[in-house]
């Protein structure tokens, strides 16, 4: 128990040495999520929309060249129309996700709201 308290005390001491600006940085992307026009809970969940979502997700996950963020991008399908939302590592990833969605969706509309993260 003493080791745990000593480690906790050390962590507090280190945190106290940081400037106030560094401690106030929040790891919260709520503002970005609120800007999105489509969210997964807005999907109608018809069987054809679910099948298209699954096909796109499987193709995205199969591409090992994509970053974790790209693998976790939101894929929202409503009435066959696809919306891609979330951060990706580069313009190339943004284009790759759109290409994958287009290849699975055919002539359906693809709305690419992916953002390149810094």
N, C-alpha and C. Protein backbone atom coordinates (compact mmCIF):
# COMPACT_ATOMS: atom_id res chain seq x y z
N UNK A 1 0.82 -1.18 0.00
CA UNK A 1 0.00 0.00 0.00
C UNK A 1 0.87 1.25 0.00
N UNK A 2 2.02 1.20 0.71
CA UNK A 2 2.91 2.36 0.74
C UNK A 2 3.44 2.69 -0.65
N UNK A 3 3.75 1.67 -1.46
CA UNK A 3 4.27 1.89 -2.80
C UNK A 3 3.23 2.63 -3.64
N UNK A 4 1.99 2.24 -3.51
CA UNK A 4 0.93 2.89 -4.28
C UNK A 4 0.79 4.35 -3.87
N UNK A 5 0.82 4.62 -2.59
CA UNK A 5 0.71 6.01 -2.13
C UNK A 5 1.91 6.82 -2.58
N UNK A 6 3.08 6.23 -2.56
CA UNK A 6 4.27 6.95 -3.00
C UNK A 6 4.18 7.27 -4.49
N UNK A 7 3.71 6.35 -5.27
CA UNK A 7 3.56 6.58 -6.70
C UNK A 7 2.51 7.65 -6.95
N UNK A 8 1.43 7.60 -6.19
CA UNK A 8 0.37 8.60 -6.34
C UNK A 8 0.89 9.97 -5.95
N UNK A 9 1.67 10.03 -4.87
CA UNK A 9 2.23 11.29 -4.42
C UNK A 9 3.18 11.86 -5.48
N UNK A 10 3.99 11.00 -6.07
CA UNK A 10 4.92 11.42 -7.11
C UNK A 10 4.15 11.94 -8.33
N UNK A 11 3.08 11.25 -8.70
CA UNK A 11 2.28 11.69 -9.84
C UNK A 11 1.67 13.06 -9.58
N UNK A 12 1.18 13.28 -8.37
CA UNK A 12 0.61 14.58 -8.03
C UNK A 12 1.68 15.67 -8.04
N UNK A 13 2.87 15.34 -7.59
CA UNK A 13 3.95 16.32 -7.58
C UNK A 13 4.35 16.70 -9.00
N UNK A 14 4.42 15.72 -9.87
CA UNK A 14 4.76 15.99 -11.27
C UNK A 14 3.66 16.83 -11.91
N UNK A 15 2.41 16.47 -11.67
CA UNK A 15 1.29 17.22 -12.23
C UNK A 15 1.30 18.66 -11.73
N UNK A 16 1.70 18.86 -10.49
CA UNK A 16 1.76 20.21 -9.93
C UNK A 16 2.83 21.06 -10.57
N UNK A 17 3.84 20.45 -11.18
CA UNK A 17 4.92 21.19 -11.83
C UNK A 17 4.54 21.65 -13.22
N UNK A 18 3.49 21.09 -13.79
CA UNK A 18 3.06 21.49 -15.12
C UNK A 18 2.35 22.84 -15.05
N UNK A 19 2.42 23.57 -16.16
CA UNK A 19 1.73 24.85 -16.19
C UNK A 19 0.23 24.62 -16.28
N UNK A 20 -0.54 25.59 -15.88
CA UNK A 20 -1.99 25.49 -15.92
C UNK A 20 -2.50 25.24 -17.33
N UNK A 21 -1.85 25.81 -18.35
CA UNK A 21 -2.29 25.65 -19.72
C UNK A 21 -2.26 24.18 -20.15
N UNK A 22 -1.24 23.45 -19.76
CA UNK A 22 -1.10 22.06 -20.16
C UNK A 22 -2.14 21.19 -19.47
N UNK A 23 -2.49 21.51 -18.24
CA UNK A 23 -3.45 20.69 -17.51
C UNK A 23 -4.88 20.92 -17.97
N UNK A 24 -5.16 22.01 -18.64
CA UNK A 24 -6.52 22.34 -19.03
C UNK A 24 -6.89 21.79 -20.41
N UNK A 25 -5.97 21.11 -21.08
CA UNK A 25 -6.27 20.54 -22.38
C UNK A 25 -7.21 19.35 -22.18
N UNK A 26 -8.36 19.41 -22.84
CA UNK A 26 -9.34 18.34 -22.69
C UNK A 26 -9.29 17.40 -23.88
N UNK A 27 -9.38 16.13 -23.60
CA UNK A 27 -9.42 15.12 -24.66
C UNK A 27 -10.88 14.81 -24.95
N UNK A 28 -11.53 15.75 -25.58
CA UNK A 28 -12.96 15.64 -25.81
C UNK A 28 -13.27 16.09 -27.23
N UNK A 29 -13.89 15.23 -28.01
CA UNK A 29 -14.22 15.59 -29.39
C UNK A 29 -15.71 15.83 -29.57
N UNK A 30 -16.41 16.19 -28.50
CA UNK A 30 -17.84 16.42 -28.57
C UNK A 30 -18.19 17.49 -29.59
N UNK A 31 -17.41 18.56 -29.64
CA UNK A 31 -17.69 19.64 -30.58
C UNK A 31 -17.63 19.13 -32.01
N UNK A 32 -16.66 18.30 -32.32
CA UNK A 32 -16.56 17.75 -33.67
C UNK A 32 -17.75 16.85 -33.96
N UNK A 33 -18.15 16.05 -33.01
CA UNK A 33 -19.27 15.15 -33.22
C UNK A 33 -20.56 15.93 -33.44
N UNK A 34 -20.72 17.05 -32.76
CA UNK A 34 -21.93 17.84 -32.90
C UNK A 34 -22.03 18.50 -34.26
N UNK A 35 -20.90 18.70 -34.95
CA UNK A 35 -20.91 19.31 -36.28
C UNK A 35 -21.41 18.35 -37.34
N UNK A 36 -21.35 17.07 -37.08
CA UNK A 36 -21.73 16.07 -38.06
C UNK A 36 -23.22 16.15 -38.35
N UNK A 37 -23.57 16.02 -39.62
CA UNK A 37 -24.98 16.05 -39.97
C UNK A 37 -25.62 14.68 -39.85
N UNK A 38 -24.85 13.63 -39.91
CA UNK A 38 -25.39 12.29 -39.80
C UNK A 38 -24.73 11.56 -38.64
N UNK A 39 -25.52 10.80 -37.91
CA UNK A 39 -24.99 9.96 -36.85
C UNK A 39 -25.56 8.56 -37.02
N UNK A 40 -24.91 7.60 -36.41
CA UNK A 40 -25.33 6.20 -36.56
C UNK A 40 -26.75 5.97 -36.06
N UNK A 41 -27.17 6.71 -35.04
CA UNK A 41 -28.51 6.49 -34.51
C UNK A 41 -29.60 7.02 -35.44
N UNK A 42 -29.23 7.76 -36.48
CA UNK A 42 -30.19 8.24 -37.46
C UNK A 42 -30.43 7.24 -38.58
N UNK A 43 -29.63 6.21 -38.64
CA UNK A 43 -29.80 5.20 -39.69
C UNK A 43 -31.12 4.47 -39.47
N UNK A 44 -31.80 4.15 -40.56
CA UNK A 44 -33.11 3.52 -40.49
C UNK A 44 -33.00 2.04 -40.14
N UNK A 45 -31.90 1.43 -40.47
CA UNK A 45 -31.63 0.02 -40.17
C UNK A 45 -32.51 -0.94 -40.96
N UNK A 46 -32.80 -0.59 -42.20
CA UNK A 46 -33.44 -1.57 -43.08
C UNK A 46 -32.42 -2.65 -43.39
N UNK A 47 -32.87 -3.80 -43.81
CA UNK A 47 -31.93 -4.89 -44.04
C UNK A 47 -30.93 -4.53 -45.14
N UNK A 48 -31.37 -3.82 -46.18
CA UNK A 48 -30.44 -3.45 -47.25
C UNK A 48 -29.42 -2.42 -46.76
N UNK A 49 -29.84 -1.49 -45.91
CA UNK A 49 -28.90 -0.51 -45.35
C UNK A 49 -27.89 -1.19 -44.43
N UNK A 50 -28.35 -2.13 -43.63
CA UNK A 50 -27.45 -2.87 -42.74
C UNK A 50 -26.44 -3.69 -43.53
N UNK A 51 -26.90 -4.32 -44.61
CA UNK A 51 -25.99 -5.12 -45.44
C UNK A 51 -24.94 -4.25 -46.10
N UNK A 52 -25.35 -3.07 -46.58
CA UNK A 52 -24.39 -2.15 -47.20
C UNK A 52 -23.39 -1.63 -46.18
N UNK A 53 -23.88 -1.27 -44.99
CA UNK A 53 -22.99 -0.81 -43.92
C UNK A 53 -21.97 -1.89 -43.59
N UNK A 54 -22.43 -3.12 -43.46
CA UNK A 54 -21.54 -4.24 -43.14
C UNK A 54 -20.51 -4.46 -44.24
N UNK A 55 -20.92 -4.39 -45.49
CA UNK A 55 -19.99 -4.61 -46.60
C UNK A 55 -18.91 -3.53 -46.62
N UNK A 56 -19.31 -2.29 -46.40
CA UNK A 56 -18.33 -1.19 -46.37
C UNK A 56 -17.39 -1.36 -45.19
N UNK A 57 -17.93 -1.64 -44.01
CA UNK A 57 -17.11 -1.80 -42.79
C UNK A 57 -16.11 -2.94 -42.97
N UNK A 58 -16.54 -4.06 -43.53
CA UNK A 58 -15.63 -5.19 -43.72
C UNK A 58 -14.50 -4.83 -44.68
N UNK A 59 -14.81 -4.09 -45.73
CA UNK A 59 -13.77 -3.68 -46.69
C UNK A 59 -12.80 -2.69 -46.05
N UNK A 60 -13.32 -1.79 -45.24
CA UNK A 60 -12.45 -0.83 -44.54
C UNK A 60 -11.53 -1.56 -43.58
N UNK A 61 -12.08 -2.48 -42.81
CA UNK A 61 -11.28 -3.21 -41.82
C UNK A 61 -10.25 -4.12 -42.49
N UNK A 62 -10.53 -4.58 -43.70
CA UNK A 62 -9.60 -5.46 -44.41
C UNK A 62 -8.39 -4.71 -44.96
N UNK A 63 -8.48 -3.39 -45.03
CA UNK A 63 -7.38 -2.59 -45.57
C UNK A 63 -6.40 -2.25 -44.45
N UNK A 64 -5.31 -3.00 -44.38
CA UNK A 64 -4.32 -2.83 -43.31
C UNK A 64 -3.51 -1.54 -43.44
N UNK A 65 -3.61 -0.87 -44.57
CA UNK A 65 -2.85 0.37 -44.74
C UNK A 65 -3.51 1.55 -44.03
N UNK A 66 -4.76 1.38 -43.59
CA UNK A 66 -5.49 2.48 -42.96
C UNK A 66 -5.15 2.60 -41.47
N UNK A 67 -5.23 3.82 -40.97
CA UNK A 67 -4.97 4.08 -39.55
C UNK A 67 -6.13 3.60 -38.69
N UNK A 68 -5.92 3.57 -37.40
CA UNK A 68 -6.98 3.19 -36.47
C UNK A 68 -8.17 4.14 -36.59
N UNK A 69 -7.89 5.43 -36.73
CA UNK A 69 -8.99 6.39 -36.90
C UNK A 69 -9.81 6.07 -38.14
N UNK A 70 -9.16 5.76 -39.24
CA UNK A 70 -9.88 5.43 -40.46
C UNK A 70 -10.70 4.16 -40.28
N UNK A 71 -10.14 3.16 -39.59
CA UNK A 71 -10.89 1.93 -39.33
C UNK A 71 -12.13 2.21 -38.48
N UNK A 72 -12.07 3.25 -37.66
CA UNK A 72 -13.18 3.57 -36.77
C UNK A 72 -14.09 4.66 -37.29
N UNK A 73 -13.92 5.07 -38.52
CA UNK A 73 -14.79 6.12 -39.08
C UNK A 73 -16.24 5.65 -39.04
N UNK A 74 -17.14 6.61 -38.84
CA UNK A 74 -18.56 6.28 -38.82
C UNK A 74 -19.04 6.08 -40.25
N UNK A 75 -19.81 5.03 -40.44
CA UNK A 75 -20.42 4.73 -41.73
C UNK A 75 -21.92 4.70 -41.48
N UNK A 76 -22.62 5.71 -41.99
CA UNK A 76 -24.05 5.82 -41.78
C UNK A 76 -24.74 5.63 -43.12
N UNK A 77 -25.61 4.63 -43.20
CA UNK A 77 -26.34 4.37 -44.44
C UNK A 77 -27.83 4.58 -44.16
N UNK A 78 -28.41 5.49 -44.93
CA UNK A 78 -29.84 5.79 -44.82
C UNK A 78 -30.44 5.77 -46.21
N UNK A 79 -31.40 4.89 -46.41
CA UNK A 79 -32.04 4.73 -47.72
C UNK A 79 -31.02 4.49 -48.83
N UNK A 80 -29.96 3.75 -48.51
CA UNK A 80 -28.94 3.42 -49.50
C UNK A 80 -27.87 4.47 -49.69
N UNK A 81 -28.06 5.65 -49.13
CA UNK A 81 -27.08 6.73 -49.25
C UNK A 81 -26.10 6.65 -48.09
N UNK A 82 -24.82 6.81 -48.39
CA UNK A 82 -23.75 6.59 -47.41
C UNK A 82 -23.17 7.92 -46.98
N UNK A 83 -22.99 8.07 -45.66
CA UNK A 83 -22.29 9.23 -45.11
C UNK A 83 -21.10 8.71 -44.31
N UNK A 84 -19.92 9.25 -44.59
CA UNK A 84 -18.69 8.90 -43.86
C UNK A 84 -18.33 10.07 -42.96
N UNK A 85 -18.10 9.78 -41.67
CA UNK A 85 -17.84 10.83 -40.70
C UNK A 85 -16.70 10.40 -39.79
N UNK A 86 -15.82 11.35 -39.44
CA UNK A 86 -14.78 11.08 -38.46
C UNK A 86 -13.42 11.55 -38.93
N UNK A 87 -12.44 11.44 -38.05
CA UNK A 87 -11.08 11.85 -38.40
C UNK A 87 -10.33 10.75 -39.13
N UNK A 88 -9.47 11.14 -40.06
CA UNK A 88 -8.55 10.23 -40.74
C UNK A 88 -7.17 10.87 -40.74
N UNK A 89 -6.15 10.09 -41.03
CA UNK A 89 -4.77 10.57 -40.91
C UNK A 89 -4.31 11.42 -42.09
N UNK A 90 -4.93 11.25 -43.27
CA UNK A 90 -4.42 11.96 -44.44
C UNK A 90 -5.50 12.08 -45.51
N UNK A 91 -5.19 12.90 -46.51
CA UNK A 91 -6.09 13.04 -47.66
C UNK A 91 -6.20 11.72 -48.41
N UNK A 92 -5.11 10.96 -48.42
CA UNK A 92 -5.13 9.66 -49.10
C UNK A 92 -6.11 8.70 -48.40
N UNK A 93 -6.12 8.70 -47.07
CA UNK A 93 -7.07 7.86 -46.35
C UNK A 93 -8.52 8.30 -46.60
N UNK A 94 -8.72 9.60 -46.63
CA UNK A 94 -10.05 10.13 -46.90
C UNK A 94 -10.54 9.64 -48.26
N UNK A 95 -9.66 9.70 -49.26
CA UNK A 95 -10.01 9.24 -50.60
C UNK A 95 -10.21 7.73 -50.64
N UNK A 96 -9.40 7.00 -49.90
CA UNK A 96 -9.51 5.54 -49.86
C UNK A 96 -10.85 5.11 -49.28
N UNK A 97 -11.26 5.72 -48.17
CA UNK A 97 -12.55 5.37 -47.58
C UNK A 97 -13.70 5.69 -48.53
N UNK A 98 -13.61 6.83 -49.21
CA UNK A 98 -14.65 7.18 -50.16
C UNK A 98 -14.68 6.18 -51.32
N UNK A 99 -13.50 5.78 -51.79
CA UNK A 99 -13.42 4.80 -52.88
C UNK A 99 -14.03 3.47 -52.45
N UNK A 100 -13.72 3.03 -51.24
CA UNK A 100 -14.26 1.76 -50.73
C UNK A 100 -15.79 1.85 -50.66
N UNK A 101 -16.29 2.94 -50.09
CA UNK A 101 -17.74 3.11 -49.98
C UNK A 101 -18.39 3.13 -51.36
N UNK A 102 -17.78 3.83 -52.30
CA UNK A 102 -18.34 3.90 -53.66
C UNK A 102 -18.35 2.53 -54.33
N UNK A 103 -17.31 1.75 -54.09
CA UNK A 103 -17.24 0.43 -54.72
C UNK A 103 -18.33 -0.50 -54.20
N UNK A 104 -18.74 -0.31 -52.97
CA UNK A 104 -19.79 -1.15 -52.38
C UNK A 104 -21.18 -0.58 -52.62
N UNK A 105 -21.29 0.75 -52.71
CA UNK A 105 -22.60 1.40 -52.82
C UNK A 105 -23.07 1.56 -54.25
N UNK A 106 -22.18 1.39 -55.21
CA UNK A 106 -22.56 1.54 -56.60
C UNK A 106 -22.91 2.99 -56.93
N UNK A 107 -24.08 3.20 -57.50
CA UNK A 107 -24.47 4.55 -57.94
C UNK A 107 -25.11 5.38 -56.83
N UNK A 108 -25.16 4.86 -55.64
CA UNK A 108 -25.76 5.60 -54.53
C UNK A 108 -24.89 6.79 -54.13
N UNK A 109 -25.50 7.74 -53.46
CA UNK A 109 -24.79 8.95 -53.04
C UNK A 109 -23.85 8.66 -51.88
N UNK A 110 -22.62 9.18 -52.00
CA UNK A 110 -21.63 9.10 -50.92
C UNK A 110 -21.36 10.53 -50.45
N UNK A 111 -21.60 10.79 -49.17
CA UNK A 111 -21.29 12.09 -48.59
C UNK A 111 -20.07 11.90 -47.70
N UNK A 112 -18.97 12.54 -48.08
CA UNK A 112 -17.70 12.37 -47.36
C UNK A 112 -17.50 13.55 -46.42
N UNK A 113 -17.75 13.32 -45.13
CA UNK A 113 -17.53 14.33 -44.10
C UNK A 113 -16.30 14.00 -43.26
N UNK A 114 -15.43 13.17 -43.78
CA UNK A 114 -14.21 12.81 -43.06
C UNK A 114 -13.31 14.03 -42.94
N UNK A 115 -12.64 14.16 -41.81
CA UNK A 115 -11.74 15.28 -41.56
C UNK A 115 -10.33 14.77 -41.37
N UNK A 116 -9.38 15.46 -41.95
CA UNK A 116 -7.97 15.09 -41.80
C UNK A 116 -7.49 15.64 -40.47
N UNK A 117 -7.07 14.75 -39.58
CA UNK A 117 -6.59 15.17 -38.26
C UNK A 117 -5.14 15.58 -38.35
N UNK A 118 -4.75 16.44 -37.46
CA UNK A 118 -3.37 16.94 -37.45
C UNK A 118 -2.50 16.13 -36.55
